[in-house]
Amino acid sequence: MLELRLDGRHPVLGAFAAQVREGDRICLLGPSGVGKTTLLNGIAGLDPQLRPVIEQRAGLRIGYLFQEHRLLPWRTVRQNLALVGAGAAEIERLLAEVGLSGAADSLPDQLSLGMARRAALARCLAIKPDLLLLDEPFASLDAERAAELRGLIARLLDRHPDMAMICVTHDPRDADDLANRLWYLSGSPATLRCDEPLAAGSRIDTPLRRA
C-alpha cells in the first residue's frame, strides 16, 4: 500500500524505511516536536521534501483528520460532506455512523469540539479511504469525550478491516485500544526506533509508556 524510504536529507526526519499494509492499525508515538505530524504530512503529500521518498499504491485514497477540524465555517455539516462528493443518502449514513444524525444542518461553530472532530471524521470517511491518518484526534478532549471518540474509531476500523490507519498520539493507552502495530519516533533528526506488532488485547508496558 505505502512504502517509506527516508534518506536522511529532510531537516526533521532522519533515514529509515517502513511499510504500511492493508489492515495495519499503527499508533505513532514520540516526544513533542520530534516530527510525527511532519511524517503524516509527508504521507498525505503535503510536504514536497518527502514526496520523492514515499511510494504509494496507484489510486490510494487517504483521509486525513487534522488536529483542527478544518470544516468550512460558513457551510453546514451536510454541505461540508457534500463538497467532498458525498450524496444525500451517503451523508445521512455517514453522520449516523459517527453519531451526528441530528447535526447535519448545524454550522461547525455550533458544534462542540468532540462533535466537530466526528464531523471531520465523517468527511474523511466520505472519500472511502484506504488509509486514514489521525493527528492527535483526542487532544483537548476531556477523558469521557476522548473515550467516546476512541471507541467510535475502533468500531469504524472493525467495520472496515482492509482500511489502514496511522494515528499520532502521546498516550500509549490509545495504542492499547486501537493499534495492532506500534511506531516510535525519536532522535534529532528523528528515526523510527520501534516498529513492532501488537497482539490483540495487549498493553504497551515498556519505557514508551513513560516517554
N, C-alpha and C. Protein backbone atom coordinates (compact mmCIF):
# COMPACT_ATOMS: atom_id res chain seq x y z
N MET A 1 0.82 -1.20 0.00
CA MET A 1 0.00 0.00 0.00
C MET A 1 0.85 1.26 0.00
N LEU A 2 1.84 1.30 0.92
CA LEU A 2 2.65 2.50 1.08
C LEU A 2 4.04 2.09 1.56
N GLU A 3 5.07 2.70 0.98
CA GLU A 3 6.43 2.41 1.40
C GLU A 3 7.19 3.71 1.64
N LEU A 4 7.81 3.80 2.82
CA LEU A 4 8.61 4.95 3.19
C LEU A 4 10.08 4.56 3.08
N ARG A 5 10.86 5.40 2.39
CA ARG A 5 12.30 5.17 2.30
C ARG A 5 12.98 6.53 2.50
N LEU A 6 13.04 6.98 3.72
CA LEU A 6 13.61 8.29 4.01
C LEU A 6 15.13 8.22 3.95
N ASP A 7 15.73 9.21 3.30
CA ASP A 7 17.17 9.17 3.03
C ASP A 7 17.99 10.01 4.00
N GLY A 8 17.35 10.65 4.99
CA GLY A 8 18.09 11.43 5.97
C GLY A 8 18.39 12.85 5.57
N ARG A 9 17.91 13.27 4.41
CA ARG A 9 18.19 14.63 3.96
C ARG A 9 17.11 15.63 4.35
N HIS A 10 16.03 15.14 4.97
CA HIS A 10 14.99 16.04 5.46
C HIS A 10 15.49 16.71 6.74
N PRO A 11 15.17 18.00 6.97
CA PRO A 11 15.69 18.68 8.16
C PRO A 11 15.19 18.13 9.49
N VAL A 12 14.05 17.45 9.49
CA VAL A 12 13.46 16.94 10.74
C VAL A 12 13.59 15.43 10.84
N LEU A 13 13.40 14.73 9.75
CA LEU A 13 13.34 13.27 9.76
C LEU A 13 14.62 12.67 9.20
N GLY A 14 15.19 11.72 9.94
CA GLY A 14 16.40 11.04 9.50
C GLY A 14 16.10 9.88 8.57
N ALA A 15 17.09 9.03 8.39
CA ALA A 15 16.96 7.91 7.46
C ALA A 15 16.28 6.72 8.13
N PHE A 16 15.22 6.22 7.50
CA PHE A 16 14.60 4.96 7.93
C PHE A 16 13.66 4.48 6.83
N ALA A 17 13.25 3.25 6.93
CA ALA A 17 12.33 2.65 5.96
C ALA A 17 11.23 1.92 6.71
N ALA A 18 10.03 1.94 6.13
CA ALA A 18 8.89 1.24 6.73
C ALA A 18 7.84 1.04 5.66
N GLN A 19 6.96 0.10 5.92
CA GLN A 19 5.85 -0.17 5.01
C GLN A 19 4.53 -0.11 5.78
N VAL A 20 3.48 0.28 5.07
CA VAL A 20 2.12 0.25 5.61
C VAL A 20 1.31 -0.68 4.73
N ARG A 21 0.66 -1.65 5.33
CA ARG A 21 -0.10 -2.65 4.59
C ARG A 21 -1.59 -2.53 4.92
N GLU A 22 -2.42 -3.14 4.09
CA GLU A 22 -3.86 -3.15 4.35
C GLU A 22 -4.13 -3.72 5.74
N GLY A 23 -5.03 -3.06 6.47
CA GLY A 23 -5.40 -3.54 7.79
C GLY A 23 -4.46 -3.15 8.90
N ASP A 24 -3.34 -2.50 8.59
CA ASP A 24 -2.45 -2.03 9.65
C ASP A 24 -3.14 -0.94 10.46
N ARG A 25 -3.07 -1.06 11.77
CA ARG A 25 -3.55 -0.02 12.67
C ARG A 25 -2.36 0.46 13.49
N ILE A 26 -1.73 1.50 13.01
CA ILE A 26 -0.46 1.95 13.57
C ILE A 26 -0.69 3.15 14.48
N CYS A 27 -0.19 3.07 15.71
CA CYS A 27 -0.12 4.26 16.55
C CYS A 27 1.33 4.73 16.57
N LEU A 28 1.51 6.01 16.27
CA LEU A 28 2.83 6.62 16.17
C LEU A 28 3.05 7.49 17.39
N LEU A 29 3.99 7.07 18.24
CA LEU A 29 4.32 7.80 19.46
C LEU A 29 5.70 8.44 19.32
N GLY A 30 5.98 9.37 20.22
CA GLY A 30 7.27 10.02 20.26
C GLY A 30 7.16 11.35 20.98
N PRO A 31 8.29 11.94 21.37
CA PRO A 31 8.27 13.21 22.09
C PRO A 31 7.64 14.32 21.27
N SER A 32 7.15 15.35 21.95
CA SER A 32 6.59 16.52 21.27
C SER A 32 7.67 17.16 20.38
N GLY A 33 7.26 17.54 19.18
CA GLY A 33 8.15 18.23 18.27
C GLY A 33 9.15 17.35 17.54
N VAL A 34 9.02 16.02 17.66
CA VAL A 34 10.01 15.14 17.06
C VAL A 34 9.81 14.98 15.56
N GLY A 35 8.60 15.24 15.06
CA GLY A 35 8.36 15.11 13.63
C GLY A 35 7.22 14.18 13.26
N LYS A 36 6.37 13.83 14.22
CA LYS A 36 5.27 12.91 13.94
C LYS A 36 4.28 13.51 12.93
N THR A 37 3.88 14.75 13.16
CA THR A 37 2.96 15.41 12.23
C THR A 37 3.64 15.64 10.89
N THR A 38 4.93 15.95 10.90
CA THR A 38 5.68 16.11 9.65
C THR A 38 5.61 14.83 8.83
N LEU A 39 5.76 13.68 9.48
CA LEU A 39 5.68 12.41 8.78
C LEU A 39 4.29 12.19 8.19
N LEU A 40 3.24 12.48 8.97
CA LEU A 40 1.88 12.36 8.44
C LEU A 40 1.69 13.27 7.24
N ASN A 41 2.17 14.51 7.34
CA ASN A 41 2.02 15.44 6.23
C ASN A 41 2.73 14.92 4.98
N GLY A 42 3.89 14.29 5.17
CA GLY A 42 4.59 13.71 4.03
C GLY A 42 3.81 12.59 3.39
N ILE A 43 3.22 11.73 4.22
CA ILE A 43 2.42 10.62 3.70
C ILE A 43 1.21 11.15 2.94
N ALA A 44 0.64 12.26 3.43
CA ALA A 44 -0.52 12.85 2.77
C ALA A 44 -0.15 13.66 1.52
N GLY A 45 1.15 13.81 1.26
CA GLY A 45 1.59 14.57 0.09
C GLY A 45 1.67 16.05 0.32
N LEU A 46 1.66 16.49 1.59
CA LEU A 46 1.66 17.91 1.91
C LEU A 46 3.06 18.47 2.15
N ASP A 47 4.08 17.63 2.17
CA ASP A 47 5.46 18.08 2.37
C ASP A 47 6.25 17.71 1.12
N PRO A 48 6.53 18.67 0.25
CA PRO A 48 7.21 18.35 -1.02
C PRO A 48 8.58 17.73 -0.84
N GLN A 49 9.23 17.98 0.30
CA GLN A 49 10.54 17.38 0.54
C GLN A 49 10.47 15.88 0.75
N LEU A 50 9.29 15.38 1.12
CA LEU A 50 9.13 13.95 1.38
C LEU A 50 8.48 13.19 0.24
N ARG A 51 7.91 13.89 -0.72
CA ARG A 51 7.22 13.19 -1.81
C ARG A 51 8.11 12.20 -2.55
N PRO A 52 9.37 12.55 -2.86
CA PRO A 52 10.17 11.59 -3.64
C PRO A 52 10.53 10.31 -2.89
N VAL A 53 10.40 10.27 -1.58
CA VAL A 53 10.84 9.10 -0.81
C VAL A 53 9.66 8.33 -0.22
N ILE A 54 8.45 8.66 -0.65
CA ILE A 54 7.26 7.93 -0.20
C ILE A 54 6.54 7.41 -1.42
N GLU A 55 6.48 6.10 -1.55
CA GLU A 55 5.82 5.47 -2.69
C GLU A 55 4.44 4.98 -2.26
N GLN A 56 3.41 5.33 -3.06
CA GLN A 56 2.05 4.92 -2.76
C GLN A 56 1.52 4.03 -3.88
N ARG A 57 0.66 3.11 -3.50
CA ARG A 57 -0.05 2.32 -4.50
C ARG A 57 -0.88 3.24 -5.38
N ALA A 58 -0.92 2.97 -6.64
CA ALA A 58 -1.70 3.81 -7.56
C ALA A 58 -3.15 3.86 -7.12
N GLY A 59 -3.70 5.08 -7.08
CA GLY A 59 -5.10 5.26 -6.71
C GLY A 59 -5.37 5.20 -5.21
N LEU A 60 -4.32 5.22 -4.39
CA LEU A 60 -4.51 5.15 -2.94
C LEU A 60 -5.29 6.37 -2.46
N ARG A 61 -6.37 6.13 -1.72
CA ARG A 61 -7.19 7.21 -1.17
C ARG A 61 -6.83 7.41 0.30
N ILE A 62 -6.51 8.66 0.65
CA ILE A 62 -6.07 8.98 2.01
C ILE A 62 -7.04 9.97 2.64
N GLY A 63 -7.56 9.63 3.80
CA GLY A 63 -8.36 10.54 4.61
C GLY A 63 -7.50 11.05 5.75
N TYR A 64 -7.55 12.36 6.01
CA TYR A 64 -6.66 12.97 7.00
C TYR A 64 -7.50 13.76 7.99
N LEU A 65 -7.51 13.30 9.24
CA LEU A 65 -8.18 14.03 10.32
C LEU A 65 -7.12 14.85 11.04
N PHE A 66 -7.11 16.17 10.77
CA PHE A 66 -6.13 17.07 11.37
C PHE A 66 -6.50 17.35 12.83
N GLN A 67 -5.56 17.97 13.54
CA GLN A 67 -5.87 18.37 14.92
C GLN A 67 -7.00 19.37 14.95
N GLU A 68 -7.03 20.31 14.00
CA GLU A 68 -8.17 21.22 13.86
C GLU A 68 -9.14 20.56 12.87
N HIS A 69 -10.43 20.78 13.06
CA HIS A 69 -11.39 20.05 12.22
C HIS A 69 -11.35 20.49 10.76
N ARG A 70 -11.00 21.74 10.51
CA ARG A 70 -10.86 22.29 9.15
C ARG A 70 -12.14 22.17 8.31
N LEU A 71 -13.27 22.16 8.98
CA LEU A 71 -14.55 22.27 8.26
C LEU A 71 -14.73 23.72 7.84
N LEU A 72 -15.33 23.94 6.69
CA LEU A 72 -15.59 25.31 6.25
C LEU A 72 -16.64 25.93 7.17
N PRO A 73 -16.32 27.01 7.89
CA PRO A 73 -17.22 27.52 8.93
C PRO A 73 -18.52 28.12 8.39
N TRP A 74 -18.54 28.49 7.12
CA TRP A 74 -19.75 29.10 6.56
C TRP A 74 -20.65 28.06 5.88
N ARG A 75 -20.28 26.79 5.97
CA ARG A 75 -21.07 25.70 5.41
C ARG A 75 -21.58 24.80 6.53
N THR A 76 -22.75 24.25 6.37
CA THR A 76 -23.25 23.30 7.35
C THR A 76 -22.45 22.01 7.27
N VAL A 77 -22.66 21.15 8.27
CA VAL A 77 -22.01 19.84 8.24
C VAL A 77 -22.40 19.09 6.97
N ARG A 78 -23.67 19.13 6.63
CA ARG A 78 -24.15 18.46 5.41
C ARG A 78 -23.41 19.00 4.18
N GLN A 79 -23.28 20.31 4.10
CA GLN A 79 -22.63 20.92 2.95
C GLN A 79 -21.14 20.61 2.90
N ASN A 80 -20.51 20.52 4.07
CA ASN A 80 -19.09 20.16 4.10
C ASN A 80 -18.86 18.76 3.54
N LEU A 81 -19.75 17.84 3.86
CA LEU A 81 -19.61 16.48 3.33
C LEU A 81 -19.93 16.42 1.84
N ALA A 82 -20.90 17.23 1.43
CA ALA A 82 -21.25 17.26 0.00
C ALA A 82 -20.08 17.77 -0.84
N LEU A 83 -19.27 18.66 -0.28
CA LEU A 83 -18.15 19.22 -1.02
C LEU A 83 -17.09 18.18 -1.38
N VAL A 84 -17.04 17.06 -0.65
CA VAL A 84 -16.08 16.01 -1.00
C VAL A 84 -16.75 14.89 -1.78
N GLY A 85 -17.97 15.14 -2.27
CA GLY A 85 -18.61 14.21 -3.19
C GLY A 85 -19.65 13.29 -2.60
N ALA A 86 -19.99 13.44 -1.32
CA ALA A 86 -20.99 12.57 -0.72
C ALA A 86 -22.40 12.98 -1.15
N GLY A 87 -23.21 12.01 -1.56
CA GLY A 87 -24.59 12.27 -1.90
C GLY A 87 -25.46 12.34 -0.67
N ALA A 88 -26.73 12.69 -0.87
CA ALA A 88 -27.64 12.92 0.25
C ALA A 88 -27.77 11.69 1.15
N ALA A 89 -27.98 10.52 0.55
CA ALA A 89 -28.14 9.31 1.36
C ALA A 89 -26.85 8.94 2.06
N GLU A 90 -25.73 9.14 1.37
CA GLU A 90 -24.43 8.83 1.96
C GLU A 90 -24.13 9.74 3.13
N ILE A 91 -24.50 11.00 3.02
CA ILE A 91 -24.29 11.94 4.13
C ILE A 91 -25.05 11.48 5.37
N GLU A 92 -26.30 11.11 5.19
CA GLU A 92 -27.10 10.65 6.34
C GLU A 92 -26.48 9.40 6.96
N ARG A 93 -26.02 8.48 6.12
CA ARG A 93 -25.41 7.25 6.64
C ARG A 93 -24.13 7.55 7.40
N LEU A 94 -23.28 8.41 6.85
CA LEU A 94 -22.01 8.73 7.50
C LEU A 94 -22.22 9.44 8.82
N LEU A 95 -23.16 10.38 8.86
CA LEU A 95 -23.40 11.10 10.10
C LEU A 95 -23.98 10.17 11.17
N ALA A 96 -24.81 9.23 10.75
CA ALA A 96 -25.31 8.24 11.70
C ALA A 96 -24.17 7.38 12.22
N GLU A 97 -23.23 7.05 11.34
CA GLU A 97 -22.11 6.19 11.71
C GLU A 97 -21.22 6.84 12.75
N VAL A 98 -21.11 8.17 12.72
CA VAL A 98 -20.27 8.87 13.71
C VAL A 98 -21.10 9.50 14.83
N GLY A 99 -22.39 9.19 14.88
CA GLY A 99 -23.23 9.67 15.98
C GLY A 99 -23.66 11.11 15.88
N LEU A 100 -23.85 11.61 14.64
CA LEU A 100 -24.23 13.01 14.44
C LEU A 100 -25.48 13.15 13.59
N SER A 101 -26.40 12.22 13.72
CA SER A 101 -27.59 12.26 12.87
C SER A 101 -28.36 13.57 12.99
N GLY A 102 -28.37 14.19 14.15
CA GLY A 102 -29.15 15.40 14.34
C GLY A 102 -28.41 16.69 14.05
N ALA A 103 -27.17 16.58 13.56
CA ALA A 103 -26.34 17.78 13.42
C ALA A 103 -26.06 18.16 11.98
N ALA A 104 -26.76 17.55 11.02
CA ALA A 104 -26.43 17.75 9.61
C ALA A 104 -26.53 19.21 9.19
N ASP A 105 -27.49 19.94 9.74
CA ASP A 105 -27.71 21.32 9.30
C ASP A 105 -27.10 22.35 10.24
N SER A 106 -26.24 21.88 11.15
CA SER A 106 -25.53 22.80 12.05
C SER A 106 -24.28 23.33 11.36
N LEU A 107 -23.90 24.55 11.71
CA LEU A 107 -22.62 25.09 11.29
C LEU A 107 -21.53 24.57 12.23
N PRO A 108 -20.29 24.45 11.76
CA PRO A 108 -19.23 23.92 12.62
C PRO A 108 -19.09 24.64 13.95
N ASP A 109 -19.26 25.97 13.97
CA ASP A 109 -19.11 26.72 15.21
C ASP A 109 -20.22 26.44 16.22
N GLN A 110 -21.28 25.78 15.77
CA GLN A 110 -22.37 25.42 16.67
C GLN A 110 -22.15 24.06 17.33
N LEU A 111 -21.06 23.39 16.97
CA LEU A 111 -20.76 22.07 17.49
C LEU A 111 -19.72 22.15 18.60
N SER A 112 -19.77 21.21 19.51
CA SER A 112 -18.68 21.08 20.48
C SER A 112 -17.43 20.58 19.75
N LEU A 113 -16.28 20.66 20.44
CA LEU A 113 -15.04 20.19 19.83
C LEU A 113 -15.13 18.72 19.45
N GLY A 114 -15.69 17.91 20.34
CA GLY A 114 -15.81 16.49 20.05
C GLY A 114 -16.72 16.23 18.86
N MET A 115 -17.83 16.96 18.77
CA MET A 115 -18.75 16.79 17.65
C MET A 115 -18.10 17.24 16.35
N ALA A 116 -17.35 18.34 16.40
CA ALA A 116 -16.68 18.82 15.19
C ALA A 116 -15.65 17.80 14.71
N ARG A 117 -14.94 17.16 15.65
CA ARG A 117 -13.98 16.11 15.25
C ARG A 117 -14.71 14.95 14.58
N ARG A 118 -15.88 14.60 15.11
CA ARG A 118 -16.63 13.50 14.50
C ARG A 118 -17.15 13.88 13.12
N ALA A 119 -17.56 15.14 12.96
CA ALA A 119 -17.99 15.60 11.63
C ALA A 119 -16.82 15.55 10.65
N ALA A 120 -15.64 15.97 11.11
CA ALA A 120 -14.46 15.91 10.24
C ALA A 120 -14.10 14.46 9.91
N LEU A 121 -14.32 13.56 10.87
CA LEU A 121 -14.07 12.14 10.62
C LEU A 121 -15.05 11.62 9.56
N ALA A 122 -16.31 12.04 9.64
CA ALA A 122 -17.28 11.65 8.62
C ALA A 122 -16.85 12.15 7.24
N ARG A 123 -16.31 13.35 7.19
CA ARG A 123 -15.81 13.88 5.91
C ARG A 123 -14.66 13.01 5.39
N CYS A 124 -13.77 12.57 6.28
CA CYS A 124 -12.70 11.66 5.87
C CYS A 124 -13.27 10.37 5.28
N LEU A 125 -14.27 9.82 5.95
CA LEU A 125 -14.84 8.54 5.52
C LEU A 125 -15.60 8.68 4.20
N ALA A 126 -16.05 9.89 3.88
CA ALA A 126 -16.82 10.11 2.66
C ALA A 126 -16.02 9.77 1.41
N ILE A 127 -14.70 9.87 1.49
CA ILE A 127 -13.89 9.56 0.31
C ILE A 127 -13.54 8.08 0.23
N LYS A 128 -14.06 7.28 1.18
CA LYS A 128 -13.79 5.84 1.24
C LYS A 128 -12.28 5.58 1.25
N PRO A 129 -11.61 6.05 2.30
CA PRO A 129 -10.14 5.99 2.31
C PRO A 129 -9.61 4.57 2.45
N ASP A 130 -8.48 4.33 1.79
CA ASP A 130 -7.71 3.12 2.03
C ASP A 130 -6.82 3.28 3.25
N LEU A 131 -6.43 4.54 3.52
CA LEU A 131 -5.55 4.87 4.64
C LEU A 131 -6.12 6.07 5.37
N LEU A 132 -6.31 5.93 6.66
CA LEU A 132 -6.84 7.01 7.50
C LEU A 132 -5.71 7.54 8.38
N LEU A 133 -5.40 8.82 8.23
CA LEU A 133 -4.38 9.49 9.05
C LEU A 133 -5.08 10.30 10.14
N LEU A 134 -4.67 10.12 11.38
CA LEU A 134 -5.27 10.80 12.52
C LEU A 134 -4.16 11.51 13.28
N ASP A 135 -4.24 12.84 13.37
CA ASP A 135 -3.21 13.61 14.07
C ASP A 135 -3.74 14.05 15.43
N GLU A 136 -3.36 13.30 16.46
CA GLU A 136 -3.80 13.56 17.84
C GLU A 136 -5.31 13.82 17.90
N PRO A 137 -6.11 12.85 17.50
CA PRO A 137 -7.56 13.06 17.45
C PRO A 137 -8.22 13.28 18.80
N PHE A 138 -7.54 12.91 19.89
CA PHE A 138 -8.14 13.03 21.22
C PHE A 138 -7.61 14.23 22.00
N ALA A 139 -6.75 15.02 21.38
CA ALA A 139 -6.18 16.19 22.06
C ALA A 139 -7.27 17.18 22.42
N SER A 140 -7.16 17.76 23.61
CA SER A 140 -8.06 18.80 24.12
C SER A 140 -9.46 18.29 24.45
N LEU A 141 -9.68 16.99 24.37
CA LEU A 141 -10.97 16.42 24.78
C LEU A 141 -10.86 15.93 26.22
N ASP A 142 -11.94 16.07 26.98
CA ASP A 142 -11.90 15.50 28.33
C ASP A 142 -11.92 13.98 28.23
N ALA A 143 -11.68 13.32 29.33
CA ALA A 143 -11.49 11.87 29.32
C ALA A 143 -12.72 11.14 28.77
N GLU A 144 -13.91 11.62 29.11
CA GLU A 144 -15.12 10.94 28.64
C GLU A 144 -15.30 11.09 27.13
N ARG A 145 -15.10 12.33 26.63
CA ARG A 145 -15.26 12.56 25.18
C ARG A 145 -14.16 11.81 24.41
N ALA A 146 -12.94 11.80 24.96
CA ALA A 146 -11.86 11.08 24.30
C ALA A 146 -12.16 9.59 24.21
N ALA A 147 -12.71 9.02 25.29
CA ALA A 147 -13.05 7.60 25.29
C ALA A 147 -14.14 7.30 24.27
N GLU A 148 -15.11 8.21 24.15
CA GLU A 148 -16.18 8.02 23.16
C GLU A 148 -15.62 8.02 21.74
N LEU A 149 -14.75 8.97 21.45
CA LEU A 149 -14.19 9.05 20.10
C LEU A 149 -13.26 7.87 19.82
N ARG A 150 -12.50 7.45 20.83
CA ARG A 150 -11.62 6.30 20.67
C ARG A 150 -12.44 5.04 20.35
N GLY A 151 -13.53 4.87 21.08
CA GLY A 151 -14.40 3.72 20.82
C GLY A 151 -15.02 3.78 19.44
N LEU A 152 -15.42 4.98 19.01
CA LEU A 152 -16.00 5.16 17.68
C LEU A 152 -15.00 4.77 16.60
N ILE A 153 -13.76 5.25 16.73
CA ILE A 153 -12.74 4.93 15.73
C ILE A 153 -12.46 3.43 15.71
N ALA A 154 -12.40 2.80 16.87
CA ALA A 154 -12.17 1.35 16.93
C ALA A 154 -13.29 0.60 16.20
N ARG A 155 -14.53 1.02 16.40
CA ARG A 155 -15.66 0.35 15.72
C ARG A 155 -15.61 0.57 14.22
N LEU A 156 -15.24 1.78 13.80
CA LEU A 156 -15.14 2.05 12.37
C LEU A 156 -14.06 1.18 11.72
N LEU A 157 -12.94 1.03 12.41
CA LEU A 157 -11.87 0.18 11.87
C LEU A 157 -12.33 -1.27 11.80
N ASP A 158 -13.08 -1.73 12.77
CA ASP A 158 -13.60 -3.10 12.74
C ASP A 158 -14.55 -3.30 11.57
N ARG A 159 -15.32 -2.26 11.23
CA ARG A 159 -16.26 -2.37 10.11
C ARG A 159 -15.56 -2.27 8.76
N HIS A 160 -14.34 -1.73 8.76
CA HIS A 160 -13.58 -1.59 7.51
C HIS A 160 -12.21 -2.24 7.70
N PRO A 161 -12.16 -3.57 7.76
CA PRO A 161 -10.92 -4.25 8.17
C PRO A 161 -9.75 -4.06 7.20
N ASP A 162 -10.02 -3.71 5.95
CA ASP A 162 -8.93 -3.51 5.00
C ASP A 162 -8.34 -2.10 5.07
N MET A 163 -9.05 -1.18 5.71
CA MET A 163 -8.56 0.18 5.82
C MET A 163 -7.39 0.24 6.81
N ALA A 164 -6.31 0.89 6.40
CA ALA A 164 -5.17 1.08 7.30
C ALA A 164 -5.32 2.41 8.03
N MET A 165 -4.65 2.52 9.17
CA MET A 165 -4.69 3.73 9.99
C MET A 165 -3.30 4.04 10.52
N ILE A 166 -2.96 5.31 10.54
CA ILE A 166 -1.79 5.79 11.30
C ILE A 166 -2.29 6.90 12.21
N CYS A 167 -2.17 6.70 13.50
CA CYS A 167 -2.67 7.66 14.49
C CYS A 167 -1.51 8.21 15.31
N VAL A 168 -1.28 9.50 15.21
CA VAL A 168 -0.29 10.17 16.05
C VAL A 168 -0.91 10.43 17.42
N THR A 169 -0.20 10.04 18.46
CA THR A 169 -0.70 10.23 19.82
C THR A 169 0.47 10.34 20.78
N HIS A 170 0.21 10.93 21.94
CA HIS A 170 1.19 10.95 23.02
C HIS A 170 0.84 9.92 24.10
N ASP A 171 -0.30 9.28 23.97
CA ASP A 171 -0.81 8.43 25.04
C ASP A 171 -0.74 6.96 24.63
N PRO A 172 0.12 6.15 25.26
CA PRO A 172 0.18 4.73 24.91
C PRO A 172 -1.14 4.00 25.09
N ARG A 173 -2.05 4.55 25.90
CA ARG A 173 -3.35 3.90 26.07
C ARG A 173 -4.13 3.88 24.76
N ASP A 174 -3.91 4.88 23.91
CA ASP A 174 -4.57 4.88 22.61
C ASP A 174 -4.12 3.68 21.78
N ALA A 175 -2.84 3.37 21.85
CA ALA A 175 -2.33 2.19 21.14
C ALA A 175 -2.91 0.91 21.73
N ASP A 176 -3.07 0.88 23.06
CA ASP A 176 -3.69 -0.29 23.69
C ASP A 176 -5.06 -0.58 23.07
N ASP A 177 -5.83 0.47 22.80
CA ASP A 177 -7.21 0.31 22.35
C ASP A 177 -7.34 0.22 20.83
N LEU A 178 -6.41 0.82 20.09
CA LEU A 178 -6.61 0.98 18.64
C LEU A 178 -5.62 0.21 17.77
N ALA A 179 -4.42 -0.02 18.25
CA ALA A 179 -3.34 -0.40 17.35
C ALA A 179 -3.11 -1.91 17.29
N ASN A 180 -2.67 -2.37 16.12
CA ASN A 180 -2.08 -3.69 16.01
C ASN A 180 -0.60 -3.60 15.65
N ARG A 181 -0.11 -2.33 15.67
CA ARG A 181 1.30 -2.10 15.34
C ARG A 181 1.72 -0.79 15.99
N LEU A 182 2.95 -0.74 16.46
CA LEU A 182 3.45 0.44 17.15
C LEU A 182 4.67 0.99 16.43
N TRP A 183 4.65 2.30 16.18
CA TRP A 183 5.83 3.03 15.73
C TRP A 183 6.24 4.00 16.84
N TYR A 184 7.55 4.13 17.04
CA TYR A 184 8.05 5.12 17.99
C TYR A 184 9.16 5.91 17.30
N LEU A 185 8.98 7.23 17.25
CA LEU A 185 9.89 8.13 16.56
C LEU A 185 10.66 8.94 17.60
N SER A 186 11.99 8.99 17.47
CA SER A 186 12.77 9.80 18.40
C SER A 186 14.11 10.14 17.76
N GLY A 187 14.84 11.05 18.42
CA GLY A 187 16.14 11.46 17.93
C GLY A 187 16.08 12.78 17.19
N SER A 188 17.25 13.28 16.81
CA SER A 188 17.34 14.53 16.06
C SER A 188 18.50 14.44 15.07
N PRO A 189 18.20 14.25 13.79
CA PRO A 189 16.87 14.10 13.19
C PRO A 189 16.23 12.79 13.63
N ALA A 190 14.91 12.75 13.55
CA ALA A 190 14.16 11.63 14.11
C ALA A 190 14.24 10.40 13.22
N THR A 191 14.35 9.26 13.86
CA THR A 191 14.29 7.99 13.15
C THR A 191 13.28 7.08 13.84
N LEU A 192 12.90 6.03 13.14
CA LEU A 192 11.91 5.09 13.66
C LEU A 192 12.63 4.10 14.56
N ARG A 193 12.55 4.32 15.88
CA ARG A 193 13.30 3.49 16.83
C ARG A 193 12.56 2.20 17.17
N CYS A 194 11.27 2.15 16.86
CA CYS A 194 10.48 0.96 17.17
C CYS A 194 9.44 0.77 16.08
N ASP A 195 9.34 -0.42 15.55
CA ASP A 195 8.29 -0.80 14.61
C ASP A 195 7.97 -2.26 14.91
N GLU A 196 6.94 -2.48 15.72
CA GLU A 196 6.65 -3.84 16.15
C GLU A 196 5.16 -4.09 16.21
N PRO A 197 4.75 -5.34 15.96
CA PRO A 197 3.32 -5.68 16.04
C PRO A 197 2.84 -5.72 17.48
N LEU A 198 1.54 -5.50 17.64
CA LEU A 198 0.90 -5.60 18.95
C LEU A 198 -0.20 -6.66 18.86
N ALA A 199 -0.18 -7.59 19.78
CA ALA A 199 -1.21 -8.62 19.81
C ALA A 199 -2.52 -8.01 20.27
N ALA A 200 -3.63 -8.58 19.82
CA ALA A 200 -4.95 -8.10 20.23
C ALA A 200 -5.09 -8.17 21.74
N GLY A 201 -5.53 -7.05 22.32
CA GLY A 201 -5.76 -7.00 23.76
C GLY A 201 -4.52 -6.78 24.59
N SER A 202 -3.35 -6.63 23.93
CA SER A 202 -2.13 -6.44 24.69
C SER A 202 -2.00 -4.99 25.14
N ARG A 203 -1.21 -4.75 26.17
CA ARG A 203 -0.92 -3.41 26.65
C ARG A 203 0.55 -3.11 26.41
N ILE A 204 0.84 -1.86 26.13
CA ILE A 204 2.22 -1.44 25.98
C ILE A 204 2.78 -1.22 27.38
N ASP A 205 3.69 -2.06 27.79
CA ASP A 205 4.26 -1.95 29.13
C ASP A 205 5.78 -1.89 28.99
N THR A 206 6.22 -0.79 28.43
CA THR A 206 7.64 -0.59 28.13
C THR A 206 8.00 0.83 28.54
N PRO A 207 9.26 1.23 28.40
CA PRO A 207 9.62 2.64 28.65
C PRO A 207 8.87 3.63 27.79
N LEU A 208 8.26 3.15 26.66
CA LEU A 208 7.48 4.06 25.82
C LEU A 208 6.34 4.67 26.61
N ARG A 209 5.79 3.93 27.55
CA ARG A 209 4.66 4.44 28.32
C ARG A 209 5.09 5.62 29.21
N ARG A 210 6.36 5.69 29.54
CA ARG A 210 6.84 6.77 30.39
C ARG A 210 7.48 7.89 29.60
N ALA A 211 7.57 7.70 28.25
CA ALA A 211 8.25 8.70 27.40
C ALA A 211 7.42 9.95 27.26
